Protein backbone atom coordinates (compact mmCIF):
# COMPACT_ATOMS: atom_id res chain seq x y z
CA MET A 1 -3.02 -4.48 -28.28
CA ILE A 2 -0.11 -6.65 -29.33
CA SER A 3 2.73 -4.23 -29.72
CA SER A 4 5.22 -4.21 -32.53
CA SER A 5 8.87 -5.02 -31.98
CA ALA A 6 12.10 -5.53 -33.81
CA ALA A 7 11.27 -9.13 -34.48
CA GLY A 8 10.31 -8.30 -38.04
CA GLY A 9 13.84 -7.44 -39.00
CA GLU A 10 14.58 -4.05 -37.42
CA LYS A 11 17.74 -3.59 -35.38
CA VAL A 12 17.38 -5.37 -32.02
CA THR A 13 19.21 -4.21 -28.93
CA ALA A 14 21.86 -6.49 -27.47
CA ARG A 15 20.36 -9.39 -25.62
CA LEU A 16 20.88 -9.66 -21.87
CA ALA A 17 23.08 -12.45 -20.56
CA LEU A 18 21.08 -15.53 -19.67
CA PRO A 19 20.65 -16.11 -15.92
CA PRO A 20 22.40 -19.08 -14.27
CA GLY A 21 20.68 -22.36 -15.01
CA TYR A 22 18.51 -20.95 -17.80
CA GLY A 23 20.39 -22.64 -20.61
CA ALA A 24 20.16 -26.07 -18.99
CA ARG A 25 16.47 -25.67 -18.14
CA ARG A 26 15.69 -24.46 -21.64
CA GLY A 27 17.61 -27.44 -22.99
CA LEU A 28 15.46 -29.84 -20.96
CA ASN A 29 12.29 -28.08 -22.06
CA TRP A 30 13.46 -28.05 -25.66
CA SER A 31 14.38 -31.74 -25.57
CA VAL A 32 11.01 -33.11 -24.47
CA VAL A 33 9.05 -30.69 -26.68
CA GLY A 34 11.25 -31.43 -29.68
CA LEU A 35 11.23 -35.19 -29.15
CA LEU A 36 7.44 -35.25 -28.94
CA TYR A 37 7.21 -33.41 -32.24
CA THR A 38 9.77 -35.85 -33.61
CA SER A 39 7.46 -38.72 -32.66
CA PHE A 40 4.60 -36.93 -34.45
CA TYR A 41 6.65 -37.14 -37.62
CA MET A 42 7.22 -40.85 -37.14
CA CYS A 43 3.44 -41.18 -36.92
CA ARG A 44 3.07 -39.09 -40.09
CA TYR A 45 5.74 -40.37 -42.49
CA ASN A 46 5.09 -44.03 -41.77
CA ILE A 47 2.58 -44.07 -44.63
CA SER A 48 5.28 -43.23 -47.19
CA ILE A 49 7.01 -46.50 -46.22
CA ALA A 50 3.71 -48.42 -46.25
CA ASN A 51 2.53 -46.90 -49.57
CA LYS A 52 3.42 -49.76 -51.93
CA ALA A 53 2.59 -52.54 -49.47
CA MET A 54 -0.89 -51.10 -48.93
CA SER A 55 -1.42 -50.71 -52.66
CA ASP A 56 -0.33 -54.27 -53.36
CA GLU A 57 -2.49 -55.78 -50.61
CA PHE A 58 -5.72 -53.92 -51.37
CA HIS A 59 -5.13 -53.09 -55.08
CA PHE A 60 -5.24 -49.37 -54.40
CA SER A 61 -4.28 -47.12 -57.32
CA LYS A 62 -1.89 -44.21 -56.96
CA GLU A 63 -4.96 -41.99 -57.10
CA ASN A 64 -6.34 -43.86 -54.08
CA MET A 65 -3.09 -43.42 -52.18
CA GLY A 66 -2.98 -39.75 -53.15
CA ASP A 67 -6.46 -39.32 -51.68
CA ILE A 68 -5.41 -40.96 -48.40
CA LEU A 69 -2.42 -38.64 -48.21
CA ALA A 70 -4.52 -35.61 -49.13
CA SER A 71 -7.08 -36.31 -46.39
CA PHE A 72 -4.35 -35.89 -43.78
CA PHE A 73 -3.11 -32.65 -45.31
CA TYR A 74 -6.52 -31.02 -45.73
CA ALA A 75 -7.54 -31.84 -42.16
CA TYR A 76 -4.16 -30.67 -40.94
CA ALA A 77 -4.60 -27.37 -42.79
CA VAL A 78 -7.98 -26.72 -41.17
CA GLY A 79 -6.62 -27.70 -37.79
CA GLN A 80 -3.63 -25.37 -38.12
CA VAL A 81 -5.90 -22.33 -38.24
CA VAL A 82 -8.46 -23.49 -35.68
CA ASN A 83 -5.99 -25.07 -33.29
CA GLY A 84 -3.48 -22.26 -33.68
CA LEU A 85 -6.06 -19.86 -32.29
CA ILE A 86 -7.00 -22.32 -29.54
CA THR A 87 -3.34 -22.88 -28.66
CA ASP A 88 -2.77 -19.16 -28.14
CA ARG A 89 -5.46 -19.43 -25.46
CA LEU A 90 -4.69 -22.85 -23.94
CA GLY A 91 -0.91 -22.76 -24.05
CA GLY A 92 1.51 -24.94 -25.98
CA LYS A 93 1.88 -27.79 -23.51
CA LYS A 94 -1.83 -28.66 -23.41
CA ALA A 95 -2.01 -28.40 -27.19
CA LEU A 96 0.89 -30.82 -27.66
CA LEU A 97 -0.63 -33.34 -25.27
CA ILE A 98 -4.00 -33.17 -27.04
CA GLY A 99 -2.25 -33.75 -30.36
CA ALA A 100 -0.24 -36.64 -28.95
CA ALA A 101 -3.33 -38.41 -27.64
CA GLY A 102 -5.07 -37.97 -30.98
CA THR A 103 -2.24 -39.25 -33.18
CA VAL A 104 -1.61 -42.25 -30.94
CA ILE A 105 -5.26 -43.33 -31.13
CA CYS A 106 -5.48 -42.70 -34.88
CA ASN A 107 -2.29 -44.60 -35.70
CA LEU A 108 -3.44 -47.58 -33.67
CA ALA A 109 -6.81 -47.45 -35.46
CA PHE A 110 -5.17 -47.07 -38.90
CA GLY A 111 -3.08 -50.17 -38.28
CA GLY A 112 -6.20 -51.99 -37.11
CA ALA A 113 -8.04 -50.92 -40.27
CA SER A 114 -5.67 -53.19 -42.22
CA PHE A 115 -7.92 -56.09 -41.19
CA PHE A 116 -10.79 -54.54 -43.17
CA GLY A 117 -9.07 -52.89 -46.15
CA MET A 118 -11.74 -50.26 -46.81
CA LEU A 119 -10.48 -47.18 -48.63
CA TRP A 120 -12.98 -44.82 -47.04
CA LEU A 121 -11.91 -45.93 -43.57
CA PHE A 122 -8.25 -45.27 -44.28
CA ILE A 123 -9.15 -41.82 -45.65
CA LEU A 124 -11.30 -41.03 -42.61
CA LEU A 125 -8.74 -42.14 -40.04
CA ARG A 126 -5.89 -40.35 -41.76
CA GLY A 127 -7.97 -37.19 -41.86
CA ILE A 128 -8.74 -37.36 -38.13
CA ASP A 129 -5.05 -37.97 -37.50
CA GLY A 130 -4.20 -34.88 -39.54
CA TYR A 131 -6.47 -32.74 -37.40
CA ALA A 132 -5.00 -34.17 -34.20
CA GLN A 133 -1.43 -33.60 -35.32
CA SER A 134 -2.24 -30.01 -36.22
CA PHE A 135 -2.02 -29.20 -32.51
CA GLY A 136 1.67 -30.04 -32.73
CA ALA A 137 3.31 -27.19 -34.64
CA PRO A 138 1.34 -24.37 -32.94
CA GLY A 139 2.05 -25.89 -29.53
CA PHE A 140 5.72 -26.39 -30.35
CA ILE A 141 6.13 -22.83 -31.65
CA LYS A 142 4.01 -21.30 -28.87
CA ILE A 143 6.31 -22.70 -26.18
CA ASN A 144 9.54 -21.78 -27.89
CA ALA A 145 8.46 -18.23 -28.77
CA SER A 146 8.58 -17.67 -25.02
CA TRP A 147 11.88 -19.42 -24.43
CA PHE A 148 13.87 -17.83 -27.30
CA SER A 149 14.89 -14.23 -28.06
CA ALA A 150 13.79 -12.49 -31.25
CA THR A 151 17.36 -12.70 -32.58
CA GLU A 152 17.52 -16.46 -31.99
CA ARG A 153 14.41 -17.44 -33.90
CA GLY A 154 15.90 -18.07 -37.30
CA THR A 155 18.46 -20.35 -35.69
CA PHE A 156 15.69 -21.94 -33.62
CA ALA A 157 13.83 -22.58 -36.87
CA GLY A 158 16.83 -24.61 -37.97
CA VAL A 159 16.67 -26.64 -34.78
CA PHE A 160 12.93 -27.04 -35.37
CA GLY A 161 13.76 -28.47 -38.79
CA PHE A 162 16.29 -30.82 -37.20
CA MET A 163 13.69 -32.26 -34.81
CA ILE A 164 11.27 -32.79 -37.69
CA ASN A 165 13.90 -34.55 -39.72
CA LEU A 166 15.04 -36.69 -36.81
CA GLY A 167 11.57 -38.25 -36.90
CA ARG A 168 11.88 -38.84 -40.62
CA VAL A 169 15.31 -40.44 -40.23
CA ALA A 170 13.89 -42.67 -37.52
CA ILE A 171 10.93 -43.94 -39.54
CA ASN A 172 13.02 -44.28 -42.72
CA GLN A 173 15.34 -46.63 -40.84
CA LEU A 174 12.85 -48.31 -38.51
CA GLY A 175 10.14 -48.83 -41.14
CA PRO A 176 12.17 -50.95 -43.58
CA ALA A 177 13.65 -52.86 -40.63
CA LEU A 178 10.17 -53.77 -39.38
CA LEU A 179 9.07 -54.91 -42.84
CA ALA A 180 12.23 -56.98 -43.45
CA GLY A 181 12.94 -58.24 -39.91
CA PHE A 182 16.02 -57.49 -37.81
CA VAL A 183 18.06 -58.53 -34.80
CA PHE A 184 17.38 -56.34 -31.76
CA LEU A 185 20.48 -55.48 -29.68
CA GLY A 186 22.26 -58.36 -31.33
CA MET A 187 20.27 -60.87 -29.29
CA TRP A 188 16.61 -61.08 -30.29
CA GLN A 189 15.46 -61.93 -33.79
CA VAL A 190 12.46 -59.84 -34.83
CA PRO A 191 10.75 -61.45 -37.84
CA ALA A 192 9.40 -59.50 -40.82
CA GLN A 193 6.26 -57.62 -39.81
CA HIS A 194 3.07 -56.66 -41.59
CA TRP A 195 2.94 -52.99 -42.62
CA ARG A 196 0.43 -52.30 -39.84
CA MET A 197 3.35 -52.36 -37.38
CA LEU A 198 4.57 -49.15 -39.05
CA PHE A 199 1.62 -47.52 -37.28
CA PHE A 200 1.60 -49.45 -34.00
CA VAL A 201 5.27 -48.94 -33.08
CA PRO A 202 5.47 -45.13 -33.65
CA ALA A 203 2.25 -44.77 -31.62
CA GLY A 204 3.99 -46.49 -28.71
CA ILE A 205 7.01 -44.21 -29.00
CA ALA A 206 4.80 -41.10 -29.04
CA THR A 207 3.04 -42.29 -25.89
CA ILE A 208 6.31 -42.59 -23.97
CA VAL A 209 7.55 -39.14 -25.00
CA ALA A 210 4.17 -37.53 -24.24
CA VAL A 211 4.45 -38.75 -20.63
CA ALA A 212 7.92 -37.17 -20.40
CA LEU A 213 6.58 -33.86 -21.74
CA ALA A 214 3.71 -33.88 -19.25
CA ILE A 215 6.23 -34.21 -16.42
CA TRP A 216 9.03 -31.82 -17.46
CA ALA A 217 7.88 -29.24 -20.01
CA LYS A 218 6.85 -25.69 -19.06
CA ASP A 219 5.02 -23.21 -21.28
CA THR A 220 7.16 -20.23 -20.30
CA PRO A 221 10.43 -19.41 -18.50
CA GLU A 222 8.36 -17.76 -15.79
CA GLU A 223 6.68 -21.09 -14.97
CA ALA A 224 10.16 -22.54 -14.47
CA GLY A 225 11.20 -19.68 -12.16
CA PHE A 226 13.00 -17.40 -14.65
CA HIS A 227 11.60 -13.87 -14.87
CA GLY A 228 12.56 -10.99 -17.17
CA VAL A 229 15.02 -13.05 -19.22
CA PHE A 230 14.32 -11.05 -22.39
CA LYS A 231 13.38 -7.79 -20.73
CA GLY A 232 13.09 -5.00 -23.28
CA GLU A 233 11.74 -7.13 -26.14
CA ALA A 234 8.17 -6.02 -26.79
CA ASP A 235 6.84 -9.50 -27.45
CA HIS A 236 8.27 -10.93 -24.23
CA ASP A 237 5.95 -9.18 -21.80
CA ASP A 238 4.50 -10.95 -18.77
CA THR A 239 1.38 -12.24 -20.53
CA VAL A 240 1.61 -15.18 -22.91
CA LYS A 241 -2.09 -16.06 -23.18
CA ALA A 242 -3.83 -13.54 -25.40
CA ASP A 243 -7.38 -12.46 -26.07
CA MET A 244 -8.59 -14.59 -29.00
CA ARG A 245 -10.30 -11.71 -30.79
CA GLU A 246 -7.20 -9.53 -30.49
CA VAL A 247 -5.00 -12.31 -31.86
CA PHE A 248 -7.40 -13.01 -34.74
CA VAL A 249 -7.64 -9.38 -35.87
CA THR A 250 -3.90 -8.77 -35.50
CA ILE A 251 -2.88 -11.71 -37.65
CA VAL A 252 -5.67 -11.82 -40.23
CA SER A 253 -5.26 -8.11 -41.04
CA ASN A 254 -1.52 -8.49 -41.73
CA LYS A 255 -1.05 -8.86 -45.48
CA PHE A 256 2.37 -10.46 -45.08
CA VAL A 257 0.79 -13.44 -43.33
CA TRP A 258 -1.03 -14.24 -46.55
CA ILE A 259 1.94 -13.69 -48.85
CA MET A 260 4.03 -15.99 -46.66
CA ALA A 261 1.17 -18.47 -46.54
CA SER A 262 0.80 -18.59 -50.32
CA ALA A 263 4.52 -19.20 -50.73
CA TYR A 264 4.31 -21.88 -48.08
CA ALA A 265 1.67 -23.70 -50.15
CA CYS A 266 4.28 -23.99 -52.87
CA THR A 267 6.83 -25.29 -50.39
CA GLY A 268 4.34 -27.89 -49.17
CA ALA A 269 3.64 -29.15 -52.66
CA VAL A 270 7.31 -29.73 -53.47
CA ARG A 271 8.27 -31.01 -50.03
CA GLN A 272 5.50 -33.60 -49.83
CA THR A 273 5.99 -34.74 -53.42
CA VAL A 274 9.51 -35.76 -52.43
CA ASP A 275 8.79 -36.98 -48.92
CA GLN A 276 5.67 -39.01 -49.61
CA TRP A 277 6.61 -40.48 -52.96
CA PHE A 278 10.37 -41.05 -53.05
CA PRO A 279 10.12 -44.56 -51.49
CA ARG A 280 7.45 -45.59 -54.00
CA TYR A 281 9.41 -44.02 -56.88
CA MET A 282 12.53 -46.00 -55.98
CA GLN A 283 10.49 -49.20 -55.70
CA ASP A 284 8.46 -48.77 -58.89
CA VAL A 285 11.01 -47.19 -61.24
CA HIS A 286 14.33 -48.61 -60.07
CA LYS A 287 13.15 -51.80 -58.29
CA ILE A 288 15.02 -50.78 -55.14
CA ASP A 289 13.91 -52.66 -52.03
CA LEU A 290 13.26 -50.62 -48.90
CA ASP A 291 15.90 -52.55 -46.96
CA SER A 292 18.56 -52.07 -49.65
CA PRO A 293 21.69 -50.04 -48.78
CA LEU A 294 20.84 -47.38 -51.37
CA PHE A 295 17.38 -46.75 -49.96
CA LEU A 296 18.63 -46.68 -46.38
CA VAL A 297 21.30 -44.13 -47.34
CA VAL A 298 18.76 -41.96 -49.17
CA GLY A 299 16.30 -42.36 -46.29
CA PHE A 300 18.98 -40.94 -44.01
CA LEU A 301 20.35 -38.27 -46.34
CA ILE A 302 17.03 -36.65 -47.26
CA PRO A 303 16.24 -35.70 -43.64
CA PHE A 304 19.92 -34.94 -42.97
CA VAL A 305 20.27 -32.39 -45.76
CA ALA A 306 16.84 -31.04 -44.88
CA SER A 307 18.16 -30.31 -41.40
CA ALA A 308 21.29 -28.73 -42.87
CA GLY A 309 19.16 -26.51 -45.10
CA SER A 310 17.04 -25.48 -42.13
CA PHE A 311 20.09 -24.53 -40.08
CA ILE A 312 21.84 -22.68 -42.88
CA SER A 313 18.79 -20.69 -43.98
CA GLY A 314 17.96 -19.75 -40.40
CA ILE A 315 21.47 -18.61 -39.56
CA VAL A 316 21.83 -16.68 -42.82
CA SER A 317 18.53 -14.85 -42.28
CA ASP A 318 19.41 -14.03 -38.67
CA HIS A 319 22.97 -12.87 -39.14
CA LEU A 320 23.41 -11.78 -42.76
CA PHE A 321 19.93 -10.34 -43.37
CA ASN A 322 19.23 -9.04 -39.84
CA GLY A 323 16.20 -11.29 -39.33
CA ARG A 324 14.68 -10.83 -42.80
CA ARG A 325 13.33 -14.14 -44.11
CA ALA A 326 11.92 -13.24 -47.55
CA PRO A 327 15.14 -12.50 -49.50
CA VAL A 328 16.72 -15.73 -48.24
CA ALA A 329 13.60 -17.72 -49.15
CA ALA A 330 13.48 -16.12 -52.62
CA GLY A 331 17.05 -17.23 -53.32
CA ILE A 332 16.32 -20.75 -52.11
CA TYR A 333 13.27 -21.05 -54.37
CA CYS A 334 15.43 -20.06 -57.36
CA LEU A 335 17.98 -22.71 -56.39
CA GLU A 336 15.11 -25.18 -56.10
CA ILE A 337 13.96 -24.50 -59.67
CA VAL A 338 17.44 -25.16 -61.03
CA THR A 339 17.80 -28.29 -58.90
CA ILE A 340 14.48 -29.76 -60.04
CA LEU A 341 15.25 -29.11 -63.71
CA ILE A 342 18.60 -30.87 -63.36
CA ALA A 343 16.89 -33.75 -61.54
CA SER A 344 14.43 -34.16 -64.38
CA ARG A 345 17.27 -34.85 -66.82
CA VAL A 346 19.26 -37.47 -64.92
CA SER A 347 18.79 -41.24 -65.00
CA GLY A 348 19.94 -44.23 -63.03
CA ALA A 349 19.10 -45.15 -59.44
CA VAL A 350 22.08 -43.42 -57.84
CA ALA A 351 21.62 -40.21 -59.84
CA ILE A 352 17.92 -40.10 -59.01
CA ALA A 353 18.74 -40.70 -55.36
CA VAL A 354 21.07 -37.69 -55.39
CA ALA A 355 18.36 -35.65 -57.12
CA PHE A 356 15.84 -36.45 -54.38
CA VAL A 357 18.37 -35.44 -51.74
CA MET A 358 19.10 -32.09 -53.39
CA VAL A 359 15.44 -31.17 -53.92
CA ALA A 360 14.76 -32.06 -50.29
CA PHE A 361 17.53 -29.67 -49.25
CA THR A 362 15.89 -26.71 -50.97
CA ALA A 363 12.28 -27.53 -50.00
CA ASN A 364 13.07 -27.93 -46.31
CA SER A 365 15.17 -24.79 -46.22
CA THR A 366 12.11 -22.68 -47.01
CA HIS A 367 9.90 -24.92 -44.86
CA SER A 368 11.57 -24.07 -41.55
CA LEU A 369 12.28 -20.47 -42.53
CA LEU A 370 8.77 -19.41 -43.53
CA GLY A 371 6.91 -21.49 -40.94
CA PRO A 372 8.31 -21.13 -37.42
CA ALA A 373 10.70 -18.19 -37.90
CA ALA A 374 8.36 -15.91 -39.84
CA ALA A 375 5.41 -16.88 -37.65
CA MET A 376 7.25 -15.85 -34.49
CA ASP A 377 8.40 -12.63 -36.19
CA ILE A 378 4.84 -11.69 -37.07
CA GLY A 379 2.98 -12.95 -34.02
CA GLY A 380 5.38 -12.58 -31.12
CA ARG A 381 4.83 -14.79 -28.13
CA LYS A 382 1.16 -13.83 -27.72
CA ALA A 383 0.10 -14.71 -31.26
CA ALA A 384 2.86 -17.00 -32.55
CA ALA A 385 0.63 -20.07 -32.62
CA PHE A 386 -2.16 -18.49 -34.67
CA ALA A 387 0.31 -16.83 -37.04
CA SER A 388 1.96 -20.21 -37.47
CA GLY A 389 -1.42 -21.85 -38.00
CA CYS A 390 -2.45 -19.45 -40.76
CA ILE A 391 0.85 -19.75 -42.60
CA ASN A 392 1.28 -23.47 -42.05
CA SER A 393 -2.27 -24.31 -43.11
CA PHE A 394 -1.48 -23.16 -46.62
CA GLN A 395 1.53 -25.47 -46.75
CA TYR A 396 -0.82 -28.41 -46.26
CA ILE A 397 -3.50 -27.12 -48.58
CA GLY A 398 -0.78 -26.98 -51.23
CA ALA A 399 0.36 -30.45 -50.24
CA GLY A 400 -3.16 -31.87 -50.39
CA VAL A 401 -3.84 -30.43 -53.83
CA ALA A 402 -0.45 -31.66 -55.03
CA MET A 403 -1.01 -35.21 -53.72
CA GLN A 404 -4.36 -35.54 -55.50
CA MET A 405 -3.04 -34.05 -58.73
CA LEU A 406 0.13 -36.14 -58.65
CA GLY A 407 -1.66 -39.42 -57.89
CA ARG A 408 -3.87 -38.97 -60.93
CA LEU A 409 -0.93 -37.87 -63.08
CA LEU A 410 1.07 -40.96 -62.10
CA ASP A 411 -1.83 -43.29 -62.93
CA LYS A 412 -2.14 -41.76 -66.40
CA THR A 413 1.47 -41.10 -67.43
CA GLY A 414 3.67 -43.04 -65.04
CA TYR A 415 6.67 -41.19 -63.62
CA THR A 416 7.62 -39.34 -66.82
CA TYR A 417 6.60 -35.91 -65.50
CA PHE A 418 7.28 -36.54 -61.83
CA PHE A 419 10.00 -33.91 -61.41
CA TYR A 420 8.51 -31.44 -63.88
CA PHE A 421 5.38 -31.45 -61.72
CA MET A 422 7.28 -29.56 -59.01
CA VAL A 423 8.66 -26.72 -61.15
CA PRO A 424 5.60 -24.40 -61.30
CA TRP A 425 5.22 -24.54 -57.52
CA ALA A 426 8.81 -23.43 -56.99
CA MET A 427 8.44 -20.61 -59.52
CA VAL A 428 5.37 -19.16 -57.80
CA GLY A 429 7.09 -19.38 -54.41
CA ALA A 430 10.07 -17.43 -55.74
CA LEU A 431 7.88 -14.67 -57.19
CA LEU A 432 5.96 -14.25 -53.94
CA MET A 433 9.12 -13.96 -51.86
CA PHE A 434 10.71 -11.51 -54.26
CA SER A 435 7.59 -9.34 -53.89
CA MET A 436 8.37 -8.73 -50.20
CA SER A 437 12.14 -9.21 -50.14
CA LYS A 438 12.80 -5.58 -49.06
CA GLN A 439 10.28 -5.64 -46.23
CA ARG A 440 11.80 -5.27 -42.76
CA ASN A 441 8.96 -5.13 -40.22
CA LEU A 442 6.51 -7.98 -40.81
CA ARG A 443 4.55 -7.21 -37.68
CA LYS A 444 3.19 -3.92 -39.00
CA GLY A 445 2.02 -5.28 -42.31
CA SER A 446 3.27 -2.29 -44.24
CA GLY A 447 6.28 -0.05 -44.66
CA HIS A 448 10.00 -0.74 -44.74
């Protein structure tokens, strides 16, 4: 059976010194894995930039756009559970390459669908893309559960958040540039492009990085020639590929998986409300063009502060709370409630821009903390992918429900209740995390 360890928050013995060359090899592995996941996010957040242009061209309502967004999230949620279990059997590298192939094909097809303009086709393609991309997070976490010690995982979760947000920064800068036109390397004038290029270009980038991952990434340190790096940690034994039934029973029977998952649904609702709708909000309410300085600054700052929140929450949980994630997450949810309520009372484009940035800080702090860090704590390296899949699936169920509800709310009432819409989600998340804030060993599913 998968043995318990100190990963859930108990005192961990001092980590052995890393062998010569390990840090550099882990850095190479981390770079190609992280950059591929970054490219996934470029292929995912491109639709937030294309939202208004699609609506204007095909006369789609906000409800229609909410349904397109929701199709991705629901399919992603299903895929997280199914593909998390598969990834624990296949290994992270194969899972990431499968996901890369799927998202490249789907983004090319989504751009091509612009010649037809059929709502059902956009919904279908975005849903298939969601399933394909759901191989990404389990694969990413599966690999790094092997390469990182139990006492590094909260900090790793911060780095995980940074790689995610690097993709968002990239598409928030590249997307408006493609739509407005730009000068490449100061020499070549690139004219304004149709929004379909927001899907073609990221697909090309993902293809290049996937080739690099196929060449250089390794699933485990052992495959790269490093043995016994974390000797003494129970979830760093010699076997990384687990029996699927054993993994399923171990994770599904752990009640803390489901508490974390429910809180993560709340995180997903708030996070995607900001991420998917802030460009459209700025365009509709404040008439801010996507290539304006204010939007470009906000498009940079939202992912930047999200990365900062990921790092800070991970480090605090590792070093101040001895690996306990719940009390840190509970405090962040409370901060989120206050932040959203303040945001709901401000006016003016600059003030609203600051509000979006601050809400993004809180939402992404819990995102990286409850997803990768808690999943590795609960699952260890044998079951990290499936634990991640179960928890992460709820984030996207919450996001899907929120996108459909919000789209309909915006069609009926405009943006009057936009920020208030996020408050109940944050409140439920806080209550769930407070309910397990004293828990130390998440692997056992009970006890302190």
